[in-house]
């Protein structure tokens, strides 16, 4: 009986392998089937940035106390690389509520874009004062000191503070590399004008 069972298992295994080989070869010879088309998702109508900006400008004209509209208008100008308009819109929003570290940081980035480094620094420092764990303001503070003002000690201080708050943030390895460079290279001498 055991021999019969063993013989049956061997025959079944051989038959399975043979059928598998035959089916595989048949599939190779058939032309590929047409790809199945995925249904196109229906999305909301797209409002372009210029239209959205016009709508927001209308809202802030009618409702000058609408902080959210000022914030969104500032973001639109930020995204469309209109720093002066973004600065103005952010200023209006900050006049309505100045304790917003994210908004101070966004406005600081725009100040940097137009070369107003002192005002950018002031915004980043204020954002960090409001929220001691505000990582983006510390990162940007280091950027201004490192790249715009070449003030290496202050860049080091800002980035070390950032790493103390969040040593494993996504950009931590890049920041550590920058810190290593700044600590091991002499400061660039300032050129007299």
N, C-alpha and C. Protein backbone atom coordinates (compact mmCIF):
# COMPACT_ATOMS: atom_id res chain seq x y z
N UNK A 1 0.81 -1.18 0.00
CA UNK A 1 0.00 0.00 0.00
C UNK A 1 0.86 1.24 0.00
N UNK A 2 1.94 1.23 0.71
CA UNK A 2 2.81 2.39 0.73
C UNK A 2 3.46 2.60 -0.62
N UNK A 3 3.76 1.50 -1.31
CA UNK A 3 4.36 1.64 -2.63
C UNK A 3 3.37 2.25 -3.61
N UNK A 4 2.12 1.85 -3.49
CA UNK A 4 1.09 2.40 -4.37
C UNK A 4 0.90 3.89 -4.13
N UNK A 5 0.91 4.32 -2.89
CA UNK A 5 0.74 5.74 -2.55
C UNK A 5 1.92 6.54 -3.07
N UNK A 6 3.13 6.01 -2.89
CA UNK A 6 4.33 6.70 -3.36
C UNK A 6 4.30 6.80 -4.88
N UNK A 7 3.91 5.73 -5.55
CA UNK A 7 3.83 5.75 -7.01
C UNK A 7 2.79 6.77 -7.49
N UNK A 8 1.65 6.83 -6.80
CA UNK A 8 0.61 7.79 -7.15
C UNK A 8 1.11 9.23 -7.00
N UNK A 9 1.83 9.54 -5.93
CA UNK A 9 2.36 10.88 -5.68
C UNK A 9 3.36 11.25 -6.77
N UNK A 10 4.22 10.32 -7.16
CA UNK A 10 5.23 10.60 -8.20
C UNK A 10 4.55 10.86 -9.54
N UNK A 11 3.56 10.06 -9.88
CA UNK A 11 2.84 10.25 -11.15
C UNK A 11 2.09 11.59 -11.13
N UNK A 12 1.45 11.93 -10.02
CA UNK A 12 0.70 13.20 -9.92
C UNK A 12 1.66 14.39 -10.03
N UNK A 13 2.82 14.30 -9.42
CA UNK A 13 3.82 15.37 -9.47
C UNK A 13 4.32 15.55 -10.90
N UNK A 14 4.63 14.45 -11.56
CA UNK A 14 5.11 14.51 -12.95
C UNK A 14 4.04 15.10 -13.86
N UNK A 15 2.79 14.69 -13.65
CA UNK A 15 1.69 15.21 -14.47
C UNK A 15 1.51 16.71 -14.23
N UNK A 16 1.64 17.15 -13.00
CA UNK A 16 1.52 18.58 -12.67
C UNK A 16 2.59 19.41 -13.33
N UNK A 17 3.82 18.90 -13.29
CA UNK A 17 4.93 19.61 -13.93
C UNK A 17 4.72 19.69 -15.43
N UNK A 18 4.31 18.55 -16.02
CA UNK A 18 4.08 18.51 -17.47
C UNK A 18 2.97 19.48 -17.88
N UNK A 19 1.89 19.52 -17.15
CA UNK A 19 0.78 20.44 -17.46
C UNK A 19 1.24 21.89 -17.31
N UNK A 20 2.03 22.18 -16.29
CA UNK A 20 2.55 23.54 -16.08
C UNK A 20 3.42 24.00 -17.23
N UNK A 21 4.28 23.11 -17.73
CA UNK A 21 5.16 23.45 -18.86
C UNK A 21 4.33 23.70 -20.12
N UNK A 22 3.35 22.86 -20.36
CA UNK A 22 2.51 23.00 -21.55
C UNK A 22 1.74 24.33 -21.51
N UNK A 23 1.12 24.63 -20.39
CA UNK A 23 0.34 25.87 -20.26
C UNK A 23 1.24 27.09 -20.43
N UNK A 24 2.43 27.06 -19.86
CA UNK A 24 3.37 28.18 -19.99
C UNK A 24 3.75 28.40 -21.45
N UNK A 25 4.04 27.31 -22.17
CA UNK A 25 4.41 27.44 -23.58
C UNK A 25 3.25 27.94 -24.43
N UNK A 26 2.04 27.52 -24.12
CA UNK A 26 0.88 28.00 -24.87
C UNK A 26 0.67 29.50 -24.66
N UNK A 27 0.88 29.97 -23.46
CA UNK A 27 0.70 31.40 -23.18
C UNK A 27 1.75 32.24 -23.90
N UNK A 28 2.94 31.70 -24.08
CA UNK A 28 3.99 32.43 -24.79
C UNK A 28 3.60 32.63 -26.25
N UNK A 29 2.94 31.64 -26.83
CA UNK A 29 2.59 31.69 -28.25
C UNK A 29 1.38 32.57 -28.54
N UNK A 30 0.56 32.87 -27.55
CA UNK A 30 -0.63 33.69 -27.77
C UNK A 30 -0.24 35.16 -27.86
N UNK A 31 -0.94 35.95 -28.70
CA UNK A 31 -0.65 37.39 -28.75
C UNK A 31 -1.07 38.03 -27.43
N UNK A 32 -0.34 39.06 -27.02
CA UNK A 32 -0.69 39.69 -25.74
C UNK A 32 -2.07 40.33 -25.81
N UNK A 33 -2.77 40.24 -24.73
CA UNK A 33 -4.11 40.81 -24.70
C UNK A 33 -4.00 42.33 -24.57
N UNK A 34 -5.05 42.99 -24.99
CA UNK A 34 -5.07 44.46 -24.92
C UNK A 34 -5.07 44.88 -23.46
N UNK A 35 -4.31 45.93 -23.15
CA UNK A 35 -4.28 46.38 -21.76
C UNK A 35 -5.65 46.90 -21.33
N UNK A 36 -5.96 46.64 -20.10
CA UNK A 36 -7.22 47.10 -19.55
C UNK A 36 -7.09 48.58 -19.25
N UNK A 37 -8.01 49.36 -19.75
CA UNK A 37 -7.95 50.79 -19.49
C UNK A 37 -8.60 51.09 -18.16
N UNK A 38 -7.89 51.91 -17.38
CA UNK A 38 -8.41 52.32 -16.09
C UNK A 38 -9.40 53.47 -16.31
N UNK A 39 -10.46 53.50 -15.54
CA UNK A 39 -11.39 54.61 -15.68
C UNK A 39 -10.71 55.92 -15.27
N UNK A 40 -11.02 56.97 -15.99
CA UNK A 40 -10.45 58.28 -15.70
C UNK A 40 -11.19 58.86 -14.50
N UNK A 41 -10.44 59.22 -13.44
CA UNK A 41 -11.12 59.76 -12.27
C UNK A 41 -11.72 61.13 -12.59
N UNK A 42 -12.89 61.35 -12.07
CA UNK A 42 -13.55 62.63 -12.24
C UNK A 42 -13.08 63.53 -11.11
N UNK A 43 -12.57 64.70 -11.47
CA UNK A 43 -12.08 65.60 -10.44
C UNK A 43 -12.85 66.91 -10.48
N UNK A 44 -12.67 67.66 -9.43
CA UNK A 44 -13.31 68.96 -9.36
C UNK A 44 -12.71 69.87 -10.43
N UNK A 45 -13.45 70.84 -10.88
CA UNK A 45 -12.91 71.74 -11.89
C UNK A 45 -11.67 72.46 -11.35
N UNK A 46 -10.70 72.61 -12.23
CA UNK A 46 -9.46 73.24 -11.83
C UNK A 46 -9.61 74.75 -11.95
N UNK A 47 -9.27 75.43 -10.87
CA UNK A 47 -9.26 76.89 -10.89
C UNK A 47 -7.80 77.28 -10.94
N UNK A 48 -7.42 78.01 -11.96
CA UNK A 48 -6.01 78.35 -12.05
C UNK A 48 -5.65 79.38 -10.99
N UNK A 49 -4.36 79.49 -10.76
CA UNK A 49 -3.87 80.33 -9.68
C UNK A 49 -4.27 81.80 -9.88
N UNK A 50 -4.26 82.25 -11.11
CA UNK A 50 -4.62 83.64 -11.38
C UNK A 50 -6.09 83.89 -11.02
N UNK A 51 -6.95 82.94 -11.35
CA UNK A 51 -8.37 83.08 -10.99
C UNK A 51 -8.54 83.06 -9.48
N UNK A 52 -7.83 82.15 -8.85
CA UNK A 52 -7.92 82.04 -7.39
C UNK A 52 -7.44 83.33 -6.74
N UNK A 53 -6.36 83.90 -7.26
CA UNK A 53 -5.84 85.15 -6.72
C UNK A 53 -6.88 86.26 -6.88
N UNK A 54 -7.51 86.33 -8.04
CA UNK A 54 -8.54 87.36 -8.27
C UNK A 54 -9.70 87.19 -7.30
N UNK A 55 -10.11 85.96 -7.08
CA UNK A 55 -11.20 85.69 -6.14
C UNK A 55 -10.80 86.14 -4.73
N UNK A 56 -9.59 85.78 -4.31
CA UNK A 56 -9.13 86.16 -2.97
C UNK A 56 -8.99 87.67 -2.84
N UNK A 57 -8.51 88.34 -3.88
CA UNK A 57 -8.41 89.80 -3.83
C UNK A 57 -9.79 90.43 -3.66
N UNK A 58 -10.79 89.86 -4.32
CA UNK A 58 -12.15 90.35 -4.14
C UNK A 58 -12.64 90.15 -2.72
N UNK A 59 -12.31 89.01 -2.14
CA UNK A 59 -12.74 88.73 -0.77
C UNK A 59 -12.10 89.71 0.20
N UNK A 60 -10.79 89.94 0.09
CA UNK A 60 -10.13 90.84 1.06
C UNK A 60 -10.55 92.29 0.85
N UNK A 61 -10.99 92.64 -0.36
CA UNK A 61 -11.51 93.99 -0.59
C UNK A 61 -12.83 94.16 0.15
N UNK A 62 -13.69 93.15 0.07
CA UNK A 62 -14.99 93.20 0.74
C UNK A 62 -14.87 92.93 2.24
N UNK A 63 -13.92 92.07 2.61
CA UNK A 63 -13.78 91.66 4.02
C UNK A 63 -12.33 91.82 4.46
N UNK A 64 -11.88 93.05 4.72
CA UNK A 64 -10.48 93.26 5.07
C UNK A 64 -10.05 92.59 6.39
N UNK A 65 -11.01 92.15 7.18
CA UNK A 65 -10.68 91.47 8.44
C UNK A 65 -10.64 89.95 8.28
N UNK A 66 -10.76 89.46 7.07
CA UNK A 66 -10.76 88.02 6.80
C UNK A 66 -9.31 87.53 6.74
N UNK A 67 -8.81 87.12 7.88
CA UNK A 67 -7.41 86.71 7.99
C UNK A 67 -7.09 85.52 7.08
N UNK A 68 -7.99 84.55 7.04
CA UNK A 68 -7.74 83.37 6.21
C UNK A 68 -7.56 83.73 4.74
N UNK A 69 -8.36 84.68 4.26
CA UNK A 69 -8.23 85.10 2.86
C UNK A 69 -6.88 85.78 2.64
N UNK A 70 -6.43 86.60 3.60
CA UNK A 70 -5.11 87.25 3.48
C UNK A 70 -4.01 86.19 3.45
N UNK A 71 -4.14 85.19 4.32
CA UNK A 71 -3.13 84.12 4.36
C UNK A 71 -3.08 83.39 3.02
N UNK A 72 -4.24 82.99 2.51
CA UNK A 72 -4.28 82.27 1.24
C UNK A 72 -3.78 83.13 0.08
N UNK A 73 -4.10 84.42 0.12
CA UNK A 73 -3.61 85.33 -0.91
C UNK A 73 -2.08 85.41 -0.85
N UNK A 74 -1.55 85.50 0.37
CA UNK A 74 -0.09 85.50 0.53
C UNK A 74 0.54 84.23 -0.01
N UNK A 75 -0.08 83.10 0.28
CA UNK A 75 0.43 81.82 -0.23
C UNK A 75 0.39 81.77 -1.76
N UNK A 76 -0.67 82.31 -2.34
CA UNK A 76 -0.75 82.35 -3.81
C UNK A 76 0.39 83.19 -4.39
N UNK A 77 0.63 84.34 -3.79
CA UNK A 77 1.72 85.19 -4.27
C UNK A 77 3.07 84.52 -4.02
N UNK A 78 3.21 83.82 -2.91
CA UNK A 78 4.43 83.07 -2.60
C UNK A 78 4.67 82.05 -3.70
N UNK A 79 3.64 81.25 -4.00
CA UNK A 79 3.77 80.17 -4.98
C UNK A 79 3.99 80.68 -6.40
N UNK A 80 3.52 81.89 -6.70
CA UNK A 80 3.68 82.44 -8.04
C UNK A 80 4.88 83.39 -8.13
N UNK A 81 5.74 83.32 -7.12
CA UNK A 81 6.99 84.09 -7.10
C UNK A 81 6.75 85.59 -7.25
N UNK A 82 5.85 86.09 -6.42
CA UNK A 82 5.59 87.53 -6.33
C UNK A 82 5.86 87.96 -4.89
N UNK A 83 7.14 88.04 -4.51
CA UNK A 83 7.48 88.24 -3.11
C UNK A 83 6.93 89.53 -2.48
N UNK A 84 6.94 90.63 -3.20
CA UNK A 84 6.46 91.87 -2.60
C UNK A 84 4.97 91.79 -2.27
N UNK A 85 4.19 91.22 -3.17
CA UNK A 85 2.76 91.07 -2.92
C UNK A 85 2.52 90.06 -1.79
N UNK A 86 3.33 89.02 -1.74
CA UNK A 86 3.20 88.04 -0.65
C UNK A 86 3.51 88.70 0.68
N UNK A 87 4.58 89.50 0.73
CA UNK A 87 4.95 90.20 1.97
C UNK A 87 3.80 91.07 2.44
N UNK A 88 3.19 91.80 1.52
CA UNK A 88 2.08 92.69 1.87
C UNK A 88 0.88 91.91 2.40
N UNK A 89 0.51 90.83 1.71
CA UNK A 89 -0.63 90.03 2.15
C UNK A 89 -0.35 89.38 3.51
N UNK A 90 0.86 88.86 3.69
CA UNK A 90 1.22 88.28 4.98
C UNK A 90 1.20 89.34 6.09
N UNK A 91 1.63 90.56 5.76
CA UNK A 91 1.61 91.64 6.75
C UNK A 91 0.18 91.91 7.22
N UNK A 92 -0.76 91.94 6.27
CA UNK A 92 -2.17 92.17 6.64
C UNK A 92 -2.66 91.05 7.55
N UNK A 93 -2.32 89.81 7.23
CA UNK A 93 -2.75 88.68 8.06
C UNK A 93 -2.10 88.75 9.44
N UNK A 94 -0.81 89.11 9.47
CA UNK A 94 -0.11 89.20 10.75
C UNK A 94 -0.61 90.37 11.59
N UNK A 95 -1.09 91.44 10.94
CA UNK A 95 -1.70 92.54 11.69
C UNK A 95 -2.95 92.06 12.42
N UNK A 96 -3.65 91.11 11.83
CA UNK A 96 -4.86 90.57 12.45
C UNK A 96 -4.54 89.55 13.54
N UNK A 97 -3.43 88.83 13.38
CA UNK A 97 -2.95 87.89 14.41
C UNK A 97 -1.48 87.63 14.13
N UNK A 98 -0.62 88.22 14.95
CA UNK A 98 0.82 88.12 14.73
C UNK A 98 1.49 86.92 15.37
N UNK A 99 0.74 86.09 16.07
CA UNK A 99 1.34 84.95 16.78
C UNK A 99 1.28 83.68 15.96
N UNK A 100 1.68 83.75 14.72
CA UNK A 100 1.63 82.60 13.83
C UNK A 100 3.03 82.32 13.30
N UNK A 101 3.75 81.36 13.90
CA UNK A 101 5.13 81.12 13.48
C UNK A 101 5.26 80.65 12.03
N UNK A 102 4.26 79.92 11.53
CA UNK A 102 4.32 79.48 10.14
C UNK A 102 4.24 80.67 9.18
N UNK A 103 3.35 81.58 9.48
CA UNK A 103 3.17 82.75 8.63
C UNK A 103 4.38 83.68 8.72
N UNK A 104 4.92 83.86 9.91
CA UNK A 104 6.14 84.66 10.07
C UNK A 104 7.28 84.06 9.25
N UNK A 105 7.35 82.75 9.25
CA UNK A 105 8.41 82.07 8.50
C UNK A 105 8.21 82.24 7.00
N UNK A 106 6.98 82.07 6.54
CA UNK A 106 6.71 82.26 5.11
C UNK A 106 7.05 83.69 4.68
N UNK A 107 6.66 84.66 5.49
CA UNK A 107 6.99 86.04 5.16
C UNK A 107 8.50 86.26 5.21
N UNK A 108 9.16 85.61 6.16
CA UNK A 108 10.62 85.70 6.23
C UNK A 108 11.30 85.17 4.98
N UNK A 109 10.76 84.10 4.43
CA UNK A 109 11.31 83.55 3.18
C UNK A 109 11.17 84.58 2.05
N UNK A 110 10.04 85.28 2.03
CA UNK A 110 9.84 86.31 1.01
C UNK A 110 10.78 87.50 1.24
N UNK A 111 10.99 87.87 2.50
CA UNK A 111 11.96 88.93 2.80
C UNK A 111 13.34 88.53 2.27
N UNK A 112 13.70 87.28 2.49
CA UNK A 112 14.99 86.80 1.98
C UNK A 112 15.04 86.88 0.46
N UNK A 113 13.95 86.51 -0.19
CA UNK A 113 13.92 86.51 -1.64
C UNK A 113 14.19 87.90 -2.22
N UNK A 114 13.73 88.97 -1.51
CA UNK A 114 13.97 90.32 -2.02
C UNK A 114 15.25 90.93 -1.44
N UNK A 115 15.98 90.14 -0.64
CA UNK A 115 17.26 90.61 -0.13
C UNK A 115 17.18 91.38 1.18
N UNK A 116 16.06 91.34 1.85
CA UNK A 116 15.91 92.03 3.14
C UNK A 116 16.24 91.05 4.26
N UNK A 117 17.52 90.74 4.38
CA UNK A 117 17.96 89.69 5.29
C UNK A 117 17.69 90.04 6.75
N UNK A 118 17.83 91.31 7.12
CA UNK A 118 17.58 91.70 8.50
C UNK A 118 16.12 91.44 8.88
N UNK A 119 15.21 91.72 7.98
CA UNK A 119 13.79 91.48 8.27
C UNK A 119 13.48 89.98 8.25
N UNK A 120 14.15 89.25 7.39
CA UNK A 120 13.97 87.79 7.37
C UNK A 120 14.41 87.21 8.71
N UNK A 121 15.58 87.63 9.17
CA UNK A 121 16.10 87.14 10.46
C UNK A 121 15.13 87.48 11.58
N UNK A 122 14.63 88.71 11.58
CA UNK A 122 13.69 89.13 12.62
C UNK A 122 12.46 88.22 12.63
N UNK A 123 11.93 87.91 11.45
CA UNK A 123 10.76 87.03 11.37
C UNK A 123 11.07 85.62 11.87
N UNK A 124 12.21 85.06 11.43
CA UNK A 124 12.56 83.71 11.85
C UNK A 124 12.78 83.64 13.36
N UNK A 125 13.43 84.66 13.91
CA UNK A 125 13.66 84.68 15.36
C UNK A 125 12.34 84.83 16.12
N UNK A 126 11.43 85.66 15.61
CA UNK A 126 10.13 85.83 16.25
C UNK A 126 9.33 84.52 16.20
N UNK A 127 9.37 83.85 15.07
CA UNK A 127 8.67 82.56 14.95
C UNK A 127 9.23 81.56 15.96
N UNK A 128 10.54 81.54 16.10
CA UNK A 128 11.18 80.63 17.05
C UNK A 128 10.87 81.02 18.49
N UNK A 129 10.72 82.31 18.74
CA UNK A 129 10.37 82.76 20.09
C UNK A 129 8.94 82.33 20.44
N UNK A 130 8.04 82.45 19.48
CA UNK A 130 6.64 82.06 19.71
C UNK A 130 6.54 80.55 19.93
N UNK A 131 7.26 79.80 19.12
CA UNK A 131 7.25 78.33 19.22
C UNK A 131 8.70 77.85 19.22
N UNK A 132 9.21 77.52 20.40
CA UNK A 132 10.61 77.12 20.53
C UNK A 132 10.95 75.87 19.72
N UNK A 133 9.96 75.13 19.31
CA UNK A 133 10.18 73.91 18.53
C UNK A 133 9.84 74.10 17.05
N UNK A 134 9.81 75.33 16.61
CA UNK A 134 9.46 75.60 15.21
C UNK A 134 10.69 75.37 14.34
N UNK A 135 10.73 74.20 13.73
CA UNK A 135 11.93 73.75 13.01
C UNK A 135 12.20 74.56 11.74
N UNK A 136 11.16 74.89 10.99
CA UNK A 136 11.37 75.57 9.71
C UNK A 136 11.99 76.95 9.89
N UNK A 137 11.61 77.65 10.95
CA UNK A 137 12.19 78.98 11.17
C UNK A 137 13.68 78.86 11.51
N UNK A 138 14.05 77.86 12.29
CA UNK A 138 15.47 77.66 12.62
C UNK A 138 16.27 77.25 11.39
N UNK A 139 15.69 76.40 10.58
CA UNK A 139 16.37 75.99 9.35
C UNK A 139 16.62 77.20 8.46
N UNK A 140 15.59 78.01 8.25
CA UNK A 140 15.72 79.19 7.39
C UNK A 140 16.66 80.23 7.99
N UNK A 141 16.66 80.35 9.30
CA UNK A 141 17.59 81.27 9.96
C UNK A 141 19.03 80.85 9.64
N UNK A 142 19.30 79.56 9.73
CA UNK A 142 20.62 79.06 9.37
C UNK A 142 20.97 79.32 7.91
N UNK A 143 19.99 79.18 7.03
CA UNK A 143 20.21 79.44 5.60
C UNK A 143 20.65 80.88 5.37
N UNK A 144 19.93 81.83 5.97
CA UNK A 144 20.27 83.25 5.78
C UNK A 144 21.67 83.53 6.30
N UNK A 145 21.96 83.05 7.51
CA UNK A 145 23.29 83.30 8.07
C UNK A 145 24.38 82.61 7.26
N UNK A 146 24.13 81.40 6.81
CA UNK A 146 25.15 80.64 6.09
C UNK A 146 25.38 81.16 4.68
N UNK A 147 24.34 81.29 3.92
CA UNK A 147 24.50 81.58 2.50
C UNK A 147 24.42 83.06 2.14
N UNK A 148 23.61 83.81 2.86
CA UNK A 148 23.43 85.22 2.48
C UNK A 148 24.40 86.14 3.21
N UNK A 149 24.60 85.89 4.49
CA UNK A 149 25.45 86.78 5.29
C UNK A 149 26.82 86.18 5.59
N UNK A 150 27.03 84.93 5.28
CA UNK A 150 28.27 84.20 5.58
C UNK A 150 28.68 84.38 7.05
N UNK A 151 27.70 84.40 7.93
CA UNK A 151 27.96 84.49 9.37
C UNK A 151 27.90 83.06 9.91
N UNK A 152 29.04 82.37 9.78
CA UNK A 152 29.08 80.94 10.12
C UNK A 152 28.72 80.65 11.58
N UNK A 153 29.25 81.39 12.56
CA UNK A 153 28.90 81.07 13.95
C UNK A 153 27.38 81.13 14.21
N UNK A 154 26.70 82.10 13.63
CA UNK A 154 25.25 82.20 13.85
C UNK A 154 24.51 81.10 13.09
N UNK A 155 25.00 80.72 11.94
CA UNK A 155 24.39 79.61 11.21
C UNK A 155 24.54 78.32 12.02
N UNK A 156 25.73 78.12 12.57
CA UNK A 156 25.99 76.94 13.41
C UNK A 156 25.02 76.92 14.58
N UNK A 157 24.86 78.05 15.25
CA UNK A 157 23.98 78.14 16.42
C UNK A 157 22.54 77.77 16.04
N UNK A 158 22.05 78.32 14.93
CA UNK A 158 20.66 78.04 14.52
C UNK A 158 20.47 76.57 14.20
N UNK A 159 21.41 76.00 13.44
CA UNK A 159 21.25 74.60 13.03
C UNK A 159 21.48 73.63 14.18
N UNK A 160 22.36 73.97 15.11
CA UNK A 160 22.53 73.10 16.28
C UNK A 160 21.27 73.11 17.13
N UNK A 161 20.63 74.27 17.22
CA UNK A 161 19.38 74.36 17.96
C UNK A 161 18.30 73.50 17.27
N UNK A 162 18.27 73.53 15.96
CA UNK A 162 17.33 72.71 15.20
C UNK A 162 17.57 71.23 15.46
N UNK A 163 18.83 70.80 15.41
CA UNK A 163 19.14 69.38 15.63
C UNK A 163 18.87 68.97 17.07
N UNK A 164 19.00 69.90 18.01
CA UNK A 164 18.68 69.58 19.40
C UNK A 164 17.18 69.31 19.56
N UNK A 165 16.37 70.01 18.79
CA UNK A 165 14.92 69.83 18.83
C UNK A 165 14.52 68.54 18.14
N UNK A 166 15.10 68.29 16.97
CA UNK A 166 14.71 67.14 16.15
C UNK A 166 15.93 66.54 15.46
N UNK A 167 16.68 65.70 16.18
CA UNK A 167 17.92 65.16 15.62
C UNK A 167 17.71 64.21 14.43
N UNK A 168 16.51 63.71 14.25
CA UNK A 168 16.25 62.74 13.19
C UNK A 168 15.36 63.29 12.08
N UNK A 169 15.29 64.62 11.96
CA UNK A 169 14.43 65.19 10.92
C UNK A 169 14.95 64.80 9.54
N UNK A 170 14.10 64.85 8.51
CA UNK A 170 14.51 64.38 7.18
C UNK A 170 15.76 65.05 6.62
N UNK A 171 16.03 66.30 6.98
CA UNK A 171 17.21 66.98 6.47
C UNK A 171 18.39 66.97 7.42
N UNK A 172 18.32 66.16 8.48
CA UNK A 172 19.35 66.18 9.51
C UNK A 172 20.74 65.83 8.97
N UNK A 173 20.83 64.87 8.08
CA UNK A 173 22.16 64.50 7.57
C UNK A 173 22.77 65.63 6.76
N UNK A 174 21.95 66.33 5.99
CA UNK A 174 22.46 67.48 5.22
C UNK A 174 22.90 68.60 6.17
N UNK A 175 22.12 68.84 7.21
CA UNK A 175 22.48 69.88 8.18
C UNK A 175 23.77 69.51 8.89
N UNK A 176 23.92 68.24 9.26
CA UNK A 176 25.17 67.81 9.91
C UNK A 176 26.37 68.00 8.98
N UNK A 177 26.19 67.72 7.70
CA UNK A 177 27.27 67.93 6.73
C UNK A 177 27.62 69.41 6.64
N UNK A 178 26.61 70.27 6.63
CA UNK A 178 26.86 71.72 6.61
C UNK A 178 27.60 72.15 7.87
N UNK A 179 27.16 71.64 9.02
CA UNK A 179 27.82 71.99 10.28
C UNK A 179 29.27 71.54 10.27
N UNK A 180 29.51 70.34 9.78
CA UNK A 180 30.88 69.84 9.70
C UNK A 180 31.74 70.76 8.83
N UNK A 181 31.19 71.16 7.69
CA UNK A 181 31.92 72.07 6.80
C UNK A 181 32.20 73.40 7.51
N UNK A 182 31.17 73.97 8.13
CA UNK A 182 31.33 75.29 8.77
C UNK A 182 32.33 75.26 9.92
N UNK A 183 32.33 74.17 10.66
CA UNK A 183 33.24 74.07 11.81
C UNK A 183 34.68 73.79 11.39
N UNK A 184 34.87 73.23 10.21
CA UNK A 184 36.22 72.83 9.80
C UNK A 184 36.81 73.70 8.70
N UNK A 185 36.14 74.78 8.36
CA UNK A 185 36.66 75.70 7.35
C UNK A 185 36.65 77.11 7.90
N UNK A 186 37.66 77.86 7.59
CA UNK A 186 37.70 79.23 8.10
C UNK A 186 36.58 80.07 7.48
N UNK A 187 36.15 81.06 8.24
CA UNK A 187 35.10 81.95 7.75
C UNK A 187 35.63 82.75 6.56
N UNK A 188 34.76 82.99 5.61
CA UNK A 188 35.13 83.76 4.43
C UNK A 188 35.30 85.21 4.86
N UNK A 189 36.47 85.80 4.55
CA UNK A 189 36.64 87.20 4.96
C UNK A 189 35.67 88.11 4.22
N UNK A 190 35.15 89.09 4.94
CA UNK A 190 34.23 90.06 4.35
C UNK A 190 35.04 91.01 3.47
N UNK A 191 34.51 91.30 2.29
CA UNK A 191 35.20 92.21 1.38
C UNK A 191 34.77 93.63 1.69
N UNK A 192 35.75 94.52 1.73
CA UNK A 192 35.43 95.92 1.99
C UNK A 192 34.90 96.55 0.71
N UNK A 193 34.00 97.48 0.90
CA UNK A 193 33.41 98.13 -0.28
C UNK A 193 33.89 99.54 -0.41
